[in-house]
Amino acid sequence: MTQYSEDFGGMTTGIDPTNFTNRYDSETGVTVEDPASGDAENQRALTITNADSGIILQSFDDVDGDSEENIDMAIRFRCADDNAGEFKLFARASGSAGSEEYYAIHTSGNVLRFYRSIAGTETGIGDSYDTDTGSPWWERFHDFGTNHPTGEWLWIRMRINGTGATVTTQARIWVDGQDEPTDWHIDDTDT
């Protein structure tokens, strides 16, 4: 499996990243920024400061054209406030606005869940990470209390393997600075 990475270190802040492309709906608030104070890793980040309507996807140009179907992707992220607590990590994305095709791991409200979109229709697949306890997903792995962990750097790893009726979707999430869990928080097959 080919490995790709980006830390935005050599990019100019305040402008669109040079090696990412807007897909689906246009987005006017995507820039490379320096992290807020207190970021121990002192890395730059891809920042979305406003959300236009529709599905906004920033695709990593280095990966475009790679025909590998199996995906293992890990990213470091944080949400600025409770209202921005929604996050989606896409894989195998194709199509255009209104006819989007993709898999995505999605933090939405209290739920961490996989979704797939076929011809622009998104459907939740498999189990969500809060199903067993009814508590928010973040309370399952770290004590953030009842509010979304705003401003906290987190990691999420997503794996998608296989094709057709045997696609395995896996995800795990952890706090930056902690060891990556060995168990998957979500481990399902999309049929």
C-alpha atoms as a PDB file:
ATOM      1  CA  MET A   1       0.000   0.000   0.000  1.00  0.00           C
ATOM      2  CA  THR A   2       1.411   3.383  -1.017  1.00  0.00           C
ATOM      3  CA  GLN A   3       1.810   5.869   1.841  1.00  0.00           C
ATOM      4  CA  TYR A   4       0.993   9.579   1.576  1.00  0.00           C
ATOM      5  CA  SER A   5       1.370  12.300   4.185  1.00  0.00           C
ATOM      6  CA  GLU A   6       0.995  16.068   4.563  1.00  0.00           C
ATOM      7  CA  ASP A   7       1.858  18.322   7.498  1.00  0.00           C
ATOM      8  CA  PHE A   8       1.352  21.657   5.650  1.00  0.00           C
ATOM      9  CA  GLY A   9       4.749  22.770   6.973  1.00  0.00           C
ATOM     10  CA  GLY A  10       6.030  24.343   3.754  1.00  0.00           C
ATOM     11  CA  MET A  11       2.778  26.076   2.824  1.00  0.00           C
ATOM     12  CA  THR A  12       1.879  29.738   3.158  1.00  0.00           C
ATOM     13  CA  THR A  13      -0.723  30.402   5.841  1.00  0.00           C
ATOM     14  CA  GLY A  14      -3.969  32.239   5.143  1.00  0.00           C
ATOM     15  CA  ILE A  15      -4.536  30.798   1.670  1.00  0.00           C
ATOM     16  CA  ASP A  16      -5.912  27.603   0.128  1.00  0.00           C
ATOM     17  CA  PRO A  17      -3.509  24.667   0.342  1.00  0.00           C
ATOM     18  CA  THR A  18      -1.637  24.187  -2.918  1.00  0.00           C
ATOM     19  CA  ASN A  19      -1.990  20.424  -3.099  1.00  0.00           C
ATOM     20  CA  PHE A  20      -5.656  19.999  -2.164  1.00  0.00           C
ATOM     21  CA  THR A  21      -8.634  20.462  -4.500  1.00  0.00           C
ATOM     22  CA  ASN A  22     -12.233  21.453  -3.720  1.00  0.00           C
ATOM     23  CA  ARG A  23     -14.652  18.693  -4.754  1.00  0.00           C
ATOM     24  CA  TYR A  24     -18.433  18.605  -4.854  1.00  0.00           C
ATOM     25  CA  ASP A  25     -19.564  22.049  -3.590  1.00  0.00           C
ATOM     26  CA  SER A  26     -17.185  24.988  -3.463  1.00  0.00           C
ATOM     27  CA  GLU A  27     -15.809  26.128  -0.142  1.00  0.00           C
ATOM     28  CA  THR A  28     -14.513  29.630   0.459  1.00  0.00           C
ATOM     29  CA  GLY A  29     -13.158  29.203   3.991  1.00  0.00           C
ATOM     30  CA  VAL A  30     -10.452  26.539   3.584  1.00  0.00           C
ATOM     31  CA  THR A  31      -6.961  27.744   4.448  1.00  0.00           C
ATOM     32  CA  VAL A  32      -3.688  26.560   5.931  1.00  0.00           C
ATOM     33  CA  GLU A  33      -3.189  28.072   9.391  1.00  0.00           C
ATOM     34  CA  ASP A  34      -0.753  27.930  12.265  1.00  0.00           C
ATOM     35  CA  PRO A  35      -2.182  26.078  15.243  1.00  0.00           C
ATOM     36  CA  ALA A  36      -3.520  27.871  18.284  1.00  0.00           C
ATOM     37  CA  SER A  37      -1.155  28.232  21.216  1.00  0.00           C
ATOM     38  CA  GLY A  38      -0.635  25.127  23.264  1.00  0.00           C
ATOM     39  CA  ASP A  39      -0.240  22.759  20.317  1.00  0.00           C
ATOM     40  CA  ALA A  40       2.659  20.607  21.465  1.00  0.00           C
ATOM     41  CA  GLU A  41       3.413  19.371  17.956  1.00  0.00           C
ATOM     42  CA  ASN A  42       3.409  22.920  16.524  1.00  0.00           C
ATOM     43  CA  GLN A  43       2.056  21.718  13.195  1.00  0.00           C
ATOM     44  CA  ARG A  44       0.103  23.718  10.672  1.00  0.00           C
ATOM     45  CA  ALA A  45      -3.412  22.570   9.921  1.00  0.00           C
ATOM     46  CA  LEU A  46      -6.025  22.624   7.189  1.00  0.00           C
ATOM     47  CA  THR A  47      -8.744  24.887   8.606  1.00  0.00           C
ATOM     48  CA  ILE A  48     -12.372  25.229   7.535  1.00  0.00           C
ATOM     49  CA  THR A  49     -13.684  28.505   8.936  1.00  0.00           C
ATOM     50  CA  ASN A  50     -17.145  28.496   7.404  1.00  0.00           C
ATOM     51  CA  ALA A  51     -19.393  25.954   5.804  1.00  0.00           C
ATOM     52  CA  ASP A  52     -21.095  26.715   2.543  1.00  0.00           C
ATOM     53  CA  SER A  53     -24.151  24.646   1.704  1.00  0.00           C
ATOM     54  CA  GLY A  54     -23.753  21.127   0.395  1.00  0.00           C
ATOM     55  CA  ILE A  55     -20.968  18.611   0.837  1.00  0.00           C
ATOM     56  CA  ILE A  56     -17.508  20.131   0.992  1.00  0.00           C
ATOM     57  CA  LEU A  57     -14.584  17.826   0.298  1.00  0.00           C
ATOM     58  CA  GLN A  58     -10.925  18.711   0.146  1.00  0.00           C
ATOM     59  CA  SER A  59      -9.113  15.949  -1.741  1.00  0.00           C
ATOM     60  CA  PHE A  60      -5.383  15.385  -1.387  1.00  0.00           C
ATOM     61  CA  ASP A  61      -4.022  15.709  -4.932  1.00  0.00           C
ATOM     62  CA  ASP A  62      -1.173  13.249  -4.312  1.00  0.00           C
ATOM     63  CA  VAL A  63      -3.735  10.493  -3.735  1.00  0.00           C
ATOM     64  CA  ASP A  64      -5.957  11.303  -6.742  1.00  0.00           C
ATOM     65  CA  GLY A  65      -5.467   8.700  -9.420  1.00  0.00           C
ATOM     66  CA  ASP A  66      -4.223   6.013  -7.024  1.00  0.00           C
ATOM     67  CA  SER A  67      -6.194   2.927  -7.994  1.00  0.00           C
ATOM     68  CA  GLU A  68      -5.685   1.168  -4.632  1.00  0.00           C
ATOM     69  CA  GLU A  69      -9.103   0.208  -3.243  1.00  0.00           C
ATOM     70  CA  ASN A  70      -7.973  -0.554   0.311  1.00  0.00           C
ATOM     71  CA  ILE A  71      -7.603   2.517   2.504  1.00  0.00           C
ATOM     72  CA  ASP A  72      -5.892   3.024   5.861  1.00  0.00           C
ATOM     73  CA  MET A  73      -6.039   6.707   6.768  1.00  0.00           C
ATOM     74  CA  ALA A  74      -5.160   8.499  10.009  1.00  0.00           C
ATOM     75  CA  ILE A  75      -5.560  12.219  10.633  1.00  0.00           C
ATOM     76  CA  ARG A  76      -5.192  14.583  13.552  1.00  0.00           C
ATOM     77  CA  PHE A  77      -8.114  16.995  13.972  1.00  0.00           C
ATOM     78  CA  ARG A  78     -10.046  19.191  16.364  1.00  0.00           C
ATOM     79  CA  CYS A  79     -13.311  21.107  16.354  1.00  0.00           C
ATOM     80  CA  ALA A  80     -13.372  24.740  17.414  1.00  0.00           C
ATOM     81  CA  ASP A  81     -16.723  24.728  19.242  1.00  0.00           C
ATOM     82  CA  ASP A  82     -19.806  22.643  19.920  1.00  0.00           C
ATOM     83  CA  ASN A  83     -21.541  23.947  16.817  1.00  0.00           C
ATOM     84  CA  ALA A  84     -18.566  22.844  14.730  1.00  0.00           C
ATOM     85  CA  GLY A  85     -18.468  19.415  16.369  1.00  0.00           C
ATOM     86  CA  GLU A  86     -19.351  17.721  13.110  1.00  0.00           C
ATOM     87  CA  PHE A  87     -16.472  16.153  11.232  1.00  0.00           C
ATOM     88  CA  LYS A  88     -16.326  13.844   8.231  1.00  0.00           C
ATOM     89  CA  LEU A  89     -13.365  11.939   6.818  1.00  0.00           C
ATOM     90  CA  PHE A  90     -14.003  10.735   3.254  1.00  0.00           C
ATOM     91  CA  ALA A  91     -12.493   7.826   1.303  1.00  0.00           C
ATOM     92  CA  ARG A  92     -13.115   6.383  -2.165  1.00  0.00           C
ATOM     93  CA  ALA A  93     -14.849   9.626  -3.126  1.00  0.00           C
ATOM     94  CA  SER A  94     -15.970  10.230  -6.696  1.00  0.00           C
ATOM     95  CA  GLY A  95     -18.847  11.794  -8.626  1.00  0.00           C
ATOM     96  CA  SER A  96     -19.950  15.406  -8.567  1.00  0.00           C
ATOM     97  CA  ALA A  97     -22.252  17.647  -6.503  1.00  0.00           C
ATOM     98  CA  GLY A  98     -25.642  15.966  -6.218  1.00  0.00           C
ATOM     99  CA  SER A  99     -24.322  12.547  -7.301  1.00  0.00           C
ATOM    100  CA  GLU A 100     -21.603  12.009  -4.687  1.00  0.00           C
ATOM    101  CA  GLU A 101     -20.138   8.537  -4.159  1.00  0.00           C
ATOM    102  CA  TYR A 102     -18.061   7.892  -1.022  1.00  0.00           C
ATOM    103  CA  TYR A 103     -17.481   6.226   2.298  1.00  0.00           C
ATOM    104  CA  ALA A 104     -17.092   8.522   5.299  1.00  0.00           C
ATOM    105  CA  ILE A 105     -16.580   8.256   9.028  1.00  0.00           C
ATOM    106  CA  HIS A 106     -18.690  10.965  10.619  1.00  0.00           C
ATOM    107  CA  THR A 107     -18.879  12.556  14.051  1.00  0.00           C
ATOM    108  CA  SER A 108     -22.356  14.008  14.249  1.00  0.00           C
ATOM    109  CA  GLY A 109     -23.913  14.937  17.547  1.00  0.00           C
ATOM    110  CA  ASN A 110     -23.309  12.032  19.903  1.00  0.00           C
ATOM    111  CA  VAL A 111     -22.612   9.497  17.153  1.00  0.00           C
ATOM    112  CA  LEU A 112     -19.436   8.224  15.501  1.00  0.00           C
ATOM    113  CA  ARG A 113     -20.602   6.238  12.469  1.00  0.00           C
ATOM    114  CA  PHE A 114     -19.738   5.134   8.951  1.00  0.00           C
ATOM    115  CA  TYR A 115     -21.816   6.374   6.038  1.00  0.00           C
ATOM    116  CA  ARG A 116     -21.825   5.607   2.351  1.00  0.00           C
ATOM    117  CA  SER A 117     -23.211   7.706  -0.435  1.00  0.00           C
ATOM    118  CA  ILE A 118     -24.439   6.265  -3.726  1.00  0.00           C
ATOM    119  CA  ALA A 119     -25.673   8.676  -6.398  1.00  0.00           C
ATOM    120  CA  GLY A 120     -25.911  11.462  -3.812  1.00  0.00           C
ATOM    121  CA  THR A 121     -27.957   9.508  -1.250  1.00  0.00           C
ATOM    122  CA  GLU A 122     -26.141   9.075   2.073  1.00  0.00           C
ATOM    123  CA  THR A 123     -26.958   6.096   4.294  1.00  0.00           C
ATOM    124  CA  GLY A 124     -25.628   5.144   7.716  1.00  0.00           C
ATOM    125  CA  ILE A 125     -24.026   1.695   7.690  1.00  0.00           C
ATOM    126  CA  GLY A 126     -23.082  -0.659  10.480  1.00  0.00           C
ATOM    127  CA  ASP A 127     -23.154   0.187  14.144  1.00  0.00           C
ATOM    128  CA  SER A 128     -22.551   3.608  15.592  1.00  0.00           C
ATOM    129  CA  TYR A 129     -20.013   3.986  18.366  1.00  0.00           C
ATOM    130  CA  ASP A 130     -22.608   5.074  20.949  1.00  0.00           C
ATOM    131  CA  THR A 131     -25.070   2.214  20.355  1.00  0.00           C
ATOM    132  CA  ASP A 132     -24.120   0.052  23.330  1.00  0.00           C
ATOM    133  CA  THR A 133     -24.294   2.652  26.078  1.00  0.00           C
ATOM    134  CA  GLY A 134     -26.362   5.471  24.633  1.00  0.00           C
ATOM    135  CA  SER A 135     -23.680   7.880  25.790  1.00  0.00           C
ATOM    136  CA  PRO A 136     -21.761  10.209  23.439  1.00  0.00           C
ATOM    137  CA  TRP A 137     -18.869   8.572  21.562  1.00  0.00           C
ATOM    138  CA  TRP A 138     -16.251  10.740  23.266  1.00  0.00           C
ATOM    139  CA  GLU A 139     -17.311   9.548  26.723  1.00  0.00           C
ATOM    140  CA  ARG A 140     -16.482   6.005  25.647  1.00  0.00           C
ATOM    141  CA  PHE A 141     -12.740   6.610  25.361  1.00  0.00           C
ATOM    142  CA  HIS A 142     -11.925   9.757  27.374  1.00  0.00           C
ATOM    143  CA  ASP A 143     -13.507  11.907  30.092  1.00  0.00           C
ATOM    144  CA  PHE A 144     -14.543  15.046  28.224  1.00  0.00           C
ATOM    145  CA  GLY A 145     -17.800  15.260  30.164  1.00  0.00           C
ATOM    146  CA  THR A 146     -21.103  15.687  28.364  1.00  0.00           C
ATOM    147  CA  ASN A 147     -19.903  18.317  25.884  1.00  0.00           C
ATOM    148  CA  HIS A 148     -18.171  17.615  22.598  1.00  0.00           C
ATOM    149  CA  PRO A 149     -14.355  17.746  23.078  1.00  0.00           C
ATOM    150  CA  THR A 150     -13.892  21.177  21.535  1.00  0.00           C
ATOM    151  CA  GLY A 151     -10.377  22.446  21.028  1.00  0.00           C
ATOM    152  CA  GLU A 152      -8.932  19.036  21.907  1.00  0.00           C
ATOM    153  CA  TRP A 153      -6.633  17.427  19.328  1.00  0.00           C
ATOM    154  CA  LEU A 154      -7.866  13.945  18.462  1.00  0.00           C
ATOM    155  CA  TRP A 155      -6.753  11.243  16.054  1.00  0.00           C
ATOM    156  CA  ILE A 156      -9.044   9.122  13.932  1.00  0.00           C
ATOM    157  CA  ARG A 157      -8.009   6.106  11.885  1.00  0.00           C
ATOM    158  CA  MET A 158     -10.283   4.717   9.204  1.00  0.00           C
ATOM    159  CA  ARG A 159      -9.833   1.512   7.227  1.00  0.00           C
ATOM    160  CA  ILE A 160     -11.896   0.430   4.265  1.00  0.00           C
ATOM    161  CA  ASN A 161     -11.010  -2.895   2.653  1.00  0.00           C
ATOM    162  CA  GLY A 162     -12.598  -4.985  -0.070  1.00  0.00           C
ATOM    163  CA  THR A 163     -15.130  -4.344  -2.808  1.00  0.00           C
ATOM    164  CA  GLY A 164     -18.699  -5.286  -3.724  1.00  0.00           C
ATOM    165  CA  ALA A 165     -20.720  -6.943  -0.974  1.00  0.00           C
ATOM    166  CA  THR A 166     -17.739  -7.536   1.292  1.00  0.00           C
ATOM    167  CA  VAL A 167     -16.435  -4.098   2.243  1.00  0.00           C
ATOM    168  CA  THR A 168     -15.011  -3.958   5.773  1.00  0.00           C
ATOM    169  CA  THR A 169     -15.301  -0.570   7.520  1.00  0.00           C
ATOM    170  CA  GLN A 170     -13.227   0.030  10.644  1.00  0.00           C
ATOM    171  CA  ALA A 171     -12.512   3.103  12.764  1.00  0.00           C
ATOM    172  CA  ARG A 172     -10.903   4.050  16.035  1.00  0.00           C
ATOM    173  CA  ILE A 173     -10.424   7.406  17.707  1.00  0.00           C
ATOM    174  CA  TRP A 174      -8.091   8.573  20.462  1.00  0.00           C
ATOM    175  CA  VAL A 175      -6.736  11.661  22.167  1.00  0.00           C
ATOM    176  CA  ASP A 176      -3.523  13.162  20.777  1.00  0.00           C
ATOM    177  CA  GLY A 177      -0.600  12.149  22.982  1.00  0.00           C
ATOM    178  CA  GLN A 178      -2.176   8.849  24.035  1.00  0.00           C
ATOM    179  CA  ASP A 179      -1.279   5.488  22.522  1.00  0.00           C
ATOM    180  CA  GLU A 180      -3.423   4.431  19.583  1.00  0.00           C
ATOM    181  CA  PRO A 181      -5.949   1.806  20.724  1.00  0.00           C
ATOM    182  CA  THR A 182      -5.428  -1.713  19.427  1.00  0.00           C
ATOM    183  CA  ASP A 183      -9.166  -2.467  19.196  1.00  0.00           C
ATOM    184  CA  TRP A 184     -11.456  -0.952  16.579  1.00  0.00           C
ATOM    185  CA  HIS A 185     -14.304   1.172  17.941  1.00  0.00           C
ATOM    186  CA  ILE A 186     -16.272   0.338  14.806  1.00  0.00           C
ATOM    187  CA  ASP A 187     -15.683  -2.926  12.897  1.00  0.00           C
ATOM    188  CA  ASP A 188     -18.423  -3.791  10.418  1.00  0.00           C
ATOM    189  CA  THR A 189     -19.044  -5.144   6.950  1.00  0.00           C
ATOM    190  CA  ASP A 190     -21.020  -3.083   4.438  1.00  0.00           C
ATOM    191  CA  THR A 191     -23.321  -5.382   2.505  1.00  0.00           C
END
